[in-house]
């Protein structure tokens, strides 16, 4: 699990807590809001990973990944609303909290994606990100490939030794 995915889960959990703080004009830990915020962040962690929103590439268009993240966030909220309806606890949550949390989360995902893309482009322009090719193998086939000059092994490890 990457640092970016954990950071986004924390960010999305924080969006629910922020919406709770703004709507109540202060912190009151009573109710299900903190628990629901944490559950939303954890659910988003899994759903966004399934939707492939954590794959970041300098060459791919940003719109595709933003769209995947947004669709994943909508799926998380659809799951939340389904759970609230099935457990008949929709009265415990204000509609304004649900809408504010969704909006804050969508903006947070967009901002996080824009920052990640900017960092990748900066690293790419500095020459730190370049195309790399890995030859995976072991034994004689790896050594023959390396000897032909088609590949250079970075270091010899236990997988590079012959049978």
Foldseek 3Di string as FASTA:
>chain_A
DDPLLLVLLVQLLVQLVVLVCVVVVHDDPPACSNVVSNVLSVQLSVQLVVLVLPDDDLPDDLVVSLVSSLVSSVVSLVVVVVVCVVVVPPVRDDPSSSVSSSVSSSVVSVVSSVVVNVVNVVCVVVVNDDDDDDDDAEAPVVVVCCVVVVDPDPDDDPRHYHD
